[in-house]
Amino acid sequence: AKKNITSSKSFGKLVTDKKELMNAIANYTTK
């Protein structure tokens, strides 16, 4: 089993809005 699990991606566009970042982090965390 992996000791750590990473979920990350580069965005399709540059993001400034905190809400969008929150959504992205929630999606990565879910996966």
PDB file of all heavy atoms in Angstrom:
ATOM      1  N   ALA A   1       0.830  -1.192   0.000  1.00  0.00           N
ATOM      2  CA  ALA A   1       0.000   0.000   0.000  1.00  0.00           C
ATOM      3  C   ALA A   1       0.875   1.257   0.000  1.00  0.00           C
ATOM      4  O   ALA A   1       1.949   1.295   0.595  1.00  0.00           O
ATOM      5  CB  ALA A   1      -0.925  -0.001   1.220  1.00  0.00           C
ATOM      6  N   LYS A   2       0.401   2.266  -0.683  1.00  0.00           N
ATOM      7  CA  LYS A   2       1.133   3.522  -0.732  1.00  0.00           C
ATOM      8  C   LYS A   2       1.169   4.161   0.652  1.00  0.00           C
ATOM      9  O   LYS A   2       0.222   4.082   1.425  1.00  0.00           O
ATOM     10  CB  LYS A   2       0.455   4.470  -1.718  1.00  0.00           C
ATOM     11  CG  LYS A   2       0.484   3.988  -3.163  1.00  0.00           C
ATOM     12  CD  LYS A   2      -0.208   4.987  -4.064  1.00  0.00           C
ATOM     13  CE  LYS A   2      -0.156   4.539  -5.514  1.00  0.00           C
ATOM     14  NZ  LYS A   2      -0.883   5.485  -6.402  1.00  0.00           N
ATOM     15  N   LYS A   3       2.317   4.794   0.962  1.00  0.00           N
ATOM     16  CA  LYS A   3       2.455   5.481   2.240  1.00  0.00           C
ATOM     17  C   LYS A   3       1.734   6.825   2.224  1.00  0.00           C
ATOM     18  O   LYS A   3       1.285   7.306   3.255  1.00  0.00           O
ATOM     19  CB  LYS A   3       3.929   5.677   2.574  1.00  0.00           C
ATOM     20  CG  LYS A   3       4.679   4.369   2.817  1.00  0.00           C
ATOM     21  CD  LYS A   3       6.129   4.633   3.156  1.00  0.00           C
ATOM     22  CE  LYS A   3       6.872   3.315   3.397  1.00  0.00           C
ATOM     23  NZ  LYS A   3       8.302   3.540   3.700  1.00  0.00           N
ATOM     24  N   ASN A   4       1.669   7.443   1.043  1.00  0.00           N
ATOM     25  CA  ASN A   4       0.963   8.696   0.860  1.00  0.00           C
ATOM     26  C   ASN A   4       0.151   8.608  -0.421  1.00  0.00           C
ATOM     27  O   ASN A   4       0.471   7.844  -1.323  1.00  0.00           O
ATOM     28  CB  ASN A   4       1.941   9.878   0.773  1.00  0.00           C
ATOM     29  CG  ASN A   4       2.831  10.006   1.995  1.00  0.00           C
ATOM     30  OD1 ASN A   4       2.362   9.949   3.117  1.00  0.00           O
ATOM     31  ND2 ASN A   4       4.123  10.171   1.768  1.00  0.00           N
ATOM     32  N   ILE A   5      -0.900   9.371  -0.522  1.00  0.00           N
ATOM     33  CA  ILE A   5      -1.707   9.447  -1.739  1.00  0.00           C
ATOM     34  C   ILE A   5      -1.840  10.910  -2.126  1.00  0.00           C
ATOM     35  O   ILE A   5      -2.258  11.733  -1.320  1.00  0.00           O
ATOM     36  CB  ILE A   5      -3.098   8.815  -1.546  1.00  0.00           C
ATOM     37  CG1 ILE A   5      -2.976   7.295  -1.360  1.00  0.00           C
ATOM     38  CG2 ILE A   5      -4.009   9.130  -2.730  1.00  0.00           C
ATOM     39  CD1 ILE A   5      -4.296   6.610  -1.063  1.00  0.00           C
ATOM     40  N   THR A   6      -1.482  11.216  -3.364  1.00  0.00           N
ATOM     41  CA  THR A   6      -1.524  12.585  -3.854  1.00  0.00           C
ATOM     42  C   THR A   6      -2.610  12.739  -4.908  1.00  0.00           C
ATOM     43  O   THR A   6      -2.814  11.855  -5.738  1.00  0.00           O
ATOM     44  CB  THR A   6      -0.167  12.987  -4.457  1.00  0.00           C
ATOM     45  OG1 THR A   6       0.847  12.868  -3.455  1.00  0.00           O
ATOM     46  CG2 THR A   6      -0.196  14.416  -4.977  1.00  0.00           C
ATOM     47  N   SER A   7      -3.283  13.855  -4.883  1.00  0.00           N
ATOM     48  CA  SER A   7      -4.253  14.205  -5.916  1.00  0.00           C
ATOM     49  C   SER A   7      -4.059  15.678  -6.244  1.00  0.00           C
ATOM     50  O   SER A   7      -4.307  16.553  -5.416  1.00  0.00           O
ATOM     51  CB  SER A   7      -5.686  13.939  -5.441  1.00  0.00           C
ATOM     52  OG  SER A   7      -6.630  14.266  -6.456  1.00  0.00           O
ATOM     53  N   SER A   8      -3.607  15.961  -7.452  1.00  0.00           N
ATOM     54  CA  SER A   8      -3.353  17.343  -7.842  1.00  0.00           C
ATOM     55  C   SER A   8      -3.406  17.462  -9.357  1.00  0.00           C
ATOM     56  O   SER A   8      -3.160  16.486 -10.061  1.00  0.00           O
ATOM     57  CB  SER A   8      -1.981  17.813  -7.338  1.00  0.00           C
ATOM     58  OG  SER A   8      -0.939  17.094  -7.988  1.00  0.00           O
ATOM     59  N   LYS A   9      -3.728  18.633  -9.843  1.00  0.00           N
ATOM     60  CA  LYS A   9      -3.758  18.901 -11.278  1.00  0.00           C
ATOM     61  C   LYS A   9      -3.487  20.382 -11.517  1.00  0.00           C
ATOM     62  O   LYS A   9      -3.801  21.225 -10.688  1.00  0.00           O
ATOM     63  CB  LYS A   9      -5.116  18.542 -11.890  1.00  0.00           C
ATOM     64  CG  LYS A   9      -5.393  17.047 -12.023  1.00  0.00           C
ATOM     65  CD  LYS A   9      -6.698  16.817 -12.756  1.00  0.00           C
ATOM     66  CE  LYS A   9      -6.980  15.302 -12.921  1.00  0.00           C
ATOM     67  NZ  LYS A   9      -7.331  14.680 -11.677  1.00  0.00           N
ATOM     68  N   SER A  10      -2.917  20.646 -12.667  1.00  0.00           N
ATOM     69  CA  SER A  10      -2.830  22.024 -13.132  1.00  0.00           C
ATOM     70  C   SER A  10      -4.202  22.450 -13.636  1.00  0.00           C
ATOM     71  O   SER A  10      -4.923  21.657 -14.239  1.00  0.00           O
ATOM     72  CB  SER A  10      -1.797  22.150 -14.248  1.00  0.00           C
ATOM     73  OG  SER A  10      -0.513  21.776 -13.799  1.00  0.00           O
ATOM     74  N   PHE A  11      -4.572  23.680 -13.396  1.00  0.00           N
ATOM     75  CA  PHE A  11      -5.881  24.167 -13.818  1.00  0.00           C
ATOM     76  C   PHE A  11      -5.903  24.428 -15.318  1.00  0.00           C
ATOM     77  O   PHE A  11      -4.878  24.740 -15.939  1.00  0.00           O
ATOM     78  CB  PHE A  11      -6.233  25.452 -13.080  1.00  0.00           C
ATOM     79  CG  PHE A  11      -6.314  25.290 -11.581  1.00  0.00           C
ATOM     80  CD1 PHE A  11      -5.728  26.214 -10.734  1.00  0.00           C
ATOM     81  CD2 PHE A  11      -6.980  24.217 -11.021  1.00  0.00           C
ATOM     82  CE1 PHE A  11      -5.796  26.076  -9.355  1.00  0.00           C
ATOM     83  CE2 PHE A  11      -7.059  24.071  -9.646  1.00  0.00           C
ATOM     84  CZ  PHE A  11      -6.466  24.994  -8.811  1.00  0.00           C
ATOM     85  N   GLY A  12      -7.089  24.325 -15.885  1.00  0.00           N
ATOM     86  CA  GLY A  12      -7.257  24.634 -17.295  1.00  0.00           C
ATOM     87  C   GLY A  12      -7.144  26.115 -17.593  1.00  0.00           C
ATOM     88  O   GLY A  12      -6.929  26.528 -18.731  1.00  0.00           O
ATOM     89  N   LYS A  13      -7.320  26.952 -16.566  1.00  0.00           N
ATOM     90  CA  LYS A  13      -7.131  28.403 -16.651  1.00  0.00           C
ATOM     91  C   LYS A  13      -6.597  28.883 -15.324  1.00  0.00           C
ATOM     92  O   LYS A  13      -6.706  28.200 -14.300  1.00  0.00           O
ATOM     93  CB  LYS A  13      -8.458  29.104 -16.973  1.00  0.00           C
ATOM     94  CG  LYS A  13      -9.492  28.972 -15.875  1.00  0.00           C
ATOM     95  CD  LYS A  13     -10.601  30.000 -15.992  1.00  0.00           C
ATOM     96  CE  LYS A  13     -11.428  30.053 -14.702  1.00  0.00           C
ATOM     97  NZ  LYS A  13     -12.323  31.165 -14.616  1.00  0.00           N
ATOM     98  N   LEU A  14      -5.990  30.044 -15.301  1.00  0.00           N
ATOM     99  CA  LEU A  14      -5.506  30.595 -14.049  1.00  0.00           C
ATOM    100  C   LEU A  14      -6.692  30.979 -13.167  1.00  0.00           C
ATOM    101  O   LEU A  14      -7.674  31.544 -13.641  1.00  0.00           O
ATOM    102  CB  LEU A  14      -4.617  31.808 -14.312  1.00  0.00           C
ATOM    103  CG  LEU A  14      -3.327  31.517 -15.098  1.00  0.00           C
ATOM    104  CD1 LEU A  14      -2.594  32.806 -15.417  1.00  0.00           C
ATOM    105  CD2 LEU A  14      -2.422  30.556 -14.331  1.00  0.00           C
ATOM    106  N   VAL A  15      -6.586  30.662 -11.877  1.00  0.00           N
ATOM    107  CA  VAL A  15      -7.697  30.840 -10.942  1.00  0.00           C
ATOM    108  C   VAL A  15      -7.329  31.872  -9.875  1.00  0.00           C
ATOM    109  O   VAL A  15      -6.265  31.790  -9.267  1.00  0.00           O
ATOM    110  CB  VAL A  15      -8.078  29.499 -10.272  1.00  0.00           C
ATOM    111  CG1 VAL A  15      -9.203  29.714  -9.256  1.00  0.00           C
ATOM    112  CG2 VAL A  15      -8.505  28.475 -11.315  1.00  0.00           C
ATOM    113  N   THR A  16      -8.229  32.793  -9.656  1.00  0.00           N
ATOM    114  CA  THR A  16      -8.051  33.796  -8.599  1.00  0.00           C
ATOM    115  C   THR A  16      -9.115  33.685  -7.510  1.00  0.00           C
ATOM    116  O   THR A  16      -8.892  34.088  -6.374  1.00  0.00           O
ATOM    117  CB  THR A  16      -8.097  35.217  -9.183  1.00  0.00           C
ATOM    118  OG1 THR A  16      -9.366  35.405  -9.845  1.00  0.00           O
ATOM    119  CG2 THR A  16      -6.978  35.433 -10.194  1.00  0.00           C
ATOM    120  N   ASP A  17     -10.264  33.144  -7.853  1.00  0.00           N
ATOM    121  CA  ASP A  17     -11.411  33.086  -6.946  1.00  0.00           C
ATOM    122  C   ASP A  17     -11.240  31.988  -5.901  1.00  0.00           C
ATOM    123  O   ASP A  17     -10.999  30.820  -6.241  1.00  0.00           O
ATOM    124  CB  ASP A  17     -12.694  32.859  -7.751  1.00  0.00           C
ATOM    125  CG  ASP A  17     -13.931  32.881  -6.875  1.00  0.00           C
ATOM    126  OD1 ASP A  17     -14.285  33.954  -6.387  1.00  0.00           O
ATOM    127  OD2 ASP A  17     -14.535  31.817  -6.686  1.00  0.00           O
ATOM    128  N   LYS A  18     -11.384  32.348  -4.621  1.00  0.00           N
ATOM    129  CA  LYS A  18     -11.197  31.373  -3.548  1.00  0.00           C
ATOM    130  C   LYS A  18     -12.239  30.270  -3.589  1.00  0.00           C
ATOM    131  O   LYS A  18     -11.940  29.110  -3.303  1.00  0.00           O
ATOM    132  CB  LYS A  18     -11.223  32.085  -2.186  1.00  0.00           C
ATOM    133  CG  LYS A  18     -10.914  31.130  -1.016  1.00  0.00           C
ATOM    134  CD  LYS A  18     -10.604  31.867   0.271  1.00  0.00           C
ATOM    135  CE  LYS A  18     -11.818  32.499   0.865  1.00  0.00           C
ATOM    136  NZ  LYS A  18     -11.581  33.022   2.236  1.00  0.00           N
ATOM    137  N   LYS A  19     -13.476  30.594  -3.965  1.00  0.00           N
ATOM    138  CA  LYS A  19     -14.526  29.585  -4.042  1.00  0.00           C
ATOM    139  C   LYS A  19     -14.182  28.496  -5.056  1.00  0.00           C
ATOM    140  O   LYS A  19     -14.402  27.313  -4.820  1.00  0.00           O
ATOM    141  CB  LYS A  19     -15.874  30.239  -4.390  1.00  0.00           C
ATOM    142  CG  LYS A  19     -17.038  29.254  -4.375  1.00  0.00           C
ATOM    143  CD  LYS A  19     -18.356  29.943  -4.697  1.00  0.00           C
ATOM    144  CE  LYS A  19     -19.509  28.923  -4.720  1.00  0.00           C
ATOM    145  NZ  LYS A  19     -20.793  29.590  -5.076  1.00  0.00           N
ATOM    146  N   GLU A  20     -13.652  28.899  -6.207  1.00  0.00           N
ATOM    147  CA  GLU A  20     -13.253  27.929  -7.212  1.00  0.00           C
ATOM    148  C   GLU A  20     -12.129  27.041  -6.694  1.00  0.00           C
ATOM    149  O   GLU A  20     -12.100  25.836  -6.944  1.00  0.00           O
ATOM    150  CB  GLU A  20     -12.815  28.636  -8.496  1.00  0.00           C
ATOM    151  CG  GLU A  20     -13.959  29.305  -9.254  1.00  0.00           C
ATOM    152  CD  GLU A  20     -13.502  29.929 -10.568  1.00  0.00           C
ATOM    153  OE1 GLU A  20     -12.357  29.677 -10.986  1.00  0.00           O
ATOM    154  OE2 GLU A  20     -14.300  30.667 -11.173  1.00  0.00           O
ATOM    155  N   LEU A  21     -11.210  27.639  -5.950  1.00  0.00           N
ATOM    156  CA  LEU A  21     -10.127  26.856  -5.355  1.00  0.00           C
ATOM    157  C   LEU A  21     -10.669  25.864  -4.333  1.00  0.00           C
ATOM    158  O   LEU A  21     -10.220  24.714  -4.265  1.00  0.00           O
ATOM    159  CB  LEU A  21      -9.104  27.783  -4.697  1.00  0.00           C
ATOM    160  CG  LEU A  21      -8.264  28.657  -5.636  1.00  0.00           C
ATOM    161  CD1 LEU A  21      -7.447  29.665  -4.828  1.00  0.00           C
ATOM    162  CD2 LEU A  21      -7.333  27.796  -6.489  1.00  0.00           C
ATOM    163  N   MET A  22     -11.642  26.279  -3.542  1.00  0.00           N
ATOM    164  CA  MET A  22     -12.272  25.397  -2.567  1.00  0.00           C
ATOM    165  C   MET A  22     -12.918  24.202  -3.257  1.00  0.00           C
ATOM    166  O   MET A  22     -12.795  23.059  -2.809  1.00  0.00           O
ATOM    167  CB  MET A  22     -13.315  26.167  -1.753  1.00  0.00           C
ATOM    168  CG  MET A  22     -12.754  27.149  -0.737  1.00  0.00           C
ATOM    169  SD  MET A  22     -12.032  26.293   0.686  1.00  0.00           S
ATOM    170  CE  MET A  22     -11.664  27.703   1.767  1.00  0.00           C
ATOM    171  N   ASN A  23     -13.622  24.468  -4.367  1.00  0.00           N
ATOM    172  CA  ASN A  23     -14.255  23.385  -5.125  1.00  0.00           C
ATOM    173  C   ASN A  23     -13.214  22.411  -5.671  1.00  0.00           C
ATOM    174  O   ASN A  23     -13.389  21.193  -5.625  1.00  0.00           O
ATOM    175  CB  ASN A  23     -15.078  23.951  -6.277  1.00  0.00           C
ATOM    176  CG  ASN A  23     -16.360  24.604  -5.815  1.00  0.00           C
ATOM    177  OD1 ASN A  23     -16.798  24.430  -4.679  1.00  0.00           O
ATOM    178  ND2 ASN A  23     -16.984  25.383  -6.688  1.00  0.00           N
ATOM    179  N   ALA A  24     -12.121  22.968  -6.204  1.00  0.00           N
ATOM    180  CA  ALA A  24     -11.064  22.124  -6.763  1.00  0.00           C
ATOM    181  C   ALA A  24     -10.453  21.234  -5.679  1.00  0.00           C
ATOM    182  O   ALA A  24     -10.292  20.023  -5.878  1.00  0.00           O
ATOM    183  CB  ALA A  24      -9.989  22.987  -7.416  1.00  0.00           C
ATOM    184  N   ILE A  25     -10.134  21.826  -4.529  1.00  0.00           N
ATOM    185  CA  ILE A  25      -9.546  21.068  -3.427  1.00  0.00           C
ATOM    186  C   ILE A  25     -10.498  19.974  -2.958  1.00  0.00           C
ATOM    187  O   ILE A  25     -10.088  18.846  -2.654  1.00  0.00           O
ATOM    188  CB  ILE A  25      -9.157  22.013  -2.267  1.00  0.00           C
ATOM    189  CG1 ILE A  25      -7.910  22.811  -2.626  1.00  0.00           C
ATOM    190  CG2 ILE A  25      -8.946  21.236  -0.971  1.00  0.00           C
ATOM    191  CD1 ILE A  25      -6.649  21.981  -2.761  1.00  0.00           C
ATOM    192  N   ALA A  26     -11.796  20.272  -2.885  1.00  0.00           N
ATOM    193  CA  ALA A  26     -12.791  19.277  -2.480  1.00  0.00           C
ATOM    194  C   ALA A  26     -12.834  18.119  -3.464  1.00  0.00           C
ATOM    195  O   ALA A  26     -12.953  16.956  -3.074  1.00  0.00           O
ATOM    196  CB  ALA A  26     -14.165  19.931  -2.349  1.00  0.00           C
ATOM    197  N   ASN A  27     -12.747  18.411  -4.759  1.00  0.00           N
ATOM    198  CA  ASN A  27     -12.740  17.361  -5.775  1.00  0.00           C
ATOM    199  C   ASN A  27     -11.491  16.495  -5.685  1.00  0.00           C
ATOM    200  O   ASN A  27     -11.566  15.267  -5.761  1.00  0.00           O
ATOM    201  CB  ASN A  27     -12.852  17.983  -7.178  1.00  0.00           C
ATOM    202  CG  ASN A  27     -14.290  18.272  -7.571  1.00  0.00           C
ATOM    203  OD1 ASN A  27     -14.975  17.422  -8.123  1.00  0.00           O
ATOM    204  ND2 ASN A  27     -14.755  19.484  -7.275  1.00  0.00           N
ATOM    205  N   TYR A  28     -10.334  17.124  -5.518  1.00  0.00           N
ATOM    206  CA  TYR A  28      -9.096  16.356  -5.390  1.00  0.00           C
ATOM    207  C   TYR A  28      -9.121  15.483  -4.139  1.00  0.00           C
ATOM    208  O   TYR A  28      -8.678  14.335  -4.160  1.00  0.00           O
ATOM    209  CB  TYR A  28      -7.889  17.293  -5.342  1.00  0.00           C
ATOM    210  CG  TYR A  28      -7.725  18.190  -6.552  1.00  0.00           C
ATOM    211  CD1 TYR A  28      -6.988  19.372  -6.477  1.00  0.00           C
ATOM    212  CD2 TYR A  28      -8.321  17.878  -7.768  1.00  0.00           C
ATOM    213  CE1 TYR A  28      -6.836  20.201  -7.574  1.00  0.00           C
ATOM    214  CE2 TYR A  28      -8.180  18.714  -8.873  1.00  0.00           C
ATOM    215  CZ  TYR A  28      -7.444  19.881  -8.767  1.00  0.00           C
ATOM    216  OH  TYR A  28      -7.295  20.701  -9.844  1.00  0.00           O
ATOM    217  N   THR A  29      -9.659  16.039  -3.049  1.00  0.00           N
ATOM    218  CA  THR A  29      -9.743  15.295  -1.793  1.00  0.00           C
ATOM    219  C   THR A  29     -10.669  14.086  -1.935  1.00  0.00           C
ATOM    220  O   THR A  29     -10.365  12.994  -1.450  1.00  0.00           O
ATOM    221  CB  THR A  29     -10.232  16.207  -0.660  1.00  0.00           C
ATOM    222  OG1 THR A  29      -9.366  17.334  -0.546  1.00  0.00           O
ATOM    223  CG2 THR A  29     -10.272  15.460   0.669  1.00  0.00           C
ATOM    224  N   THR A  30     -11.786  14.277  -2.617  1.00  0.00           N
ATOM    225  CA  THR A  30     -12.738  13.191  -2.833  1.00  0.00           C
ATOM    226  C   THR A  30     -12.091  12.032  -3.589  1.00  0.00           C
ATOM    227  O   THR A  30     -12.250  10.866  -3.233  1.00  0.00           O
ATOM    228  CB  THR A  30     -13.964  13.703  -3.612  1.00  0.00           C
ATOM    229  OG1 THR A  30     -14.605  14.745  -2.855  1.00  0.00           O
ATOM    230  CG2 THR A  30     -14.968  12.581  -3.849  1.00  0.00           C
ATOM    231  N   LYS A  31     -11.328  12.349  -4.631  1.00  0.00           N
ATOM    232  CA  LYS A  31     -10.653  11.309  -5.409  1.00  0.00           C
ATOM    233  C   LYS A  31      -9.589  10.601  -4.578  1.00  0.00           C
ATOM    234  O   LYS A  31      -9.447   9.379  -4.641  1.00  0.00           O
ATOM    235  CB  LYS A  31     -10.037  11.924  -6.668  1.00  0.00           C
ATOM    236  CG  LYS A  31     -11.066  12.385  -7.689  1.00  0.00           C
ATOM    237  CD  LYS A  31     -10.428  13.063  -8.883  1.00  0.00           C
ATOM    238  CE  LYS A  31     -11.507  13.523  -9.875  1.00  0.00           C
ATOM    239  NZ  LYS A  31     -10.933  14.245 -11.027  1.00  0.00           N
TER     240      LYS A  31
END
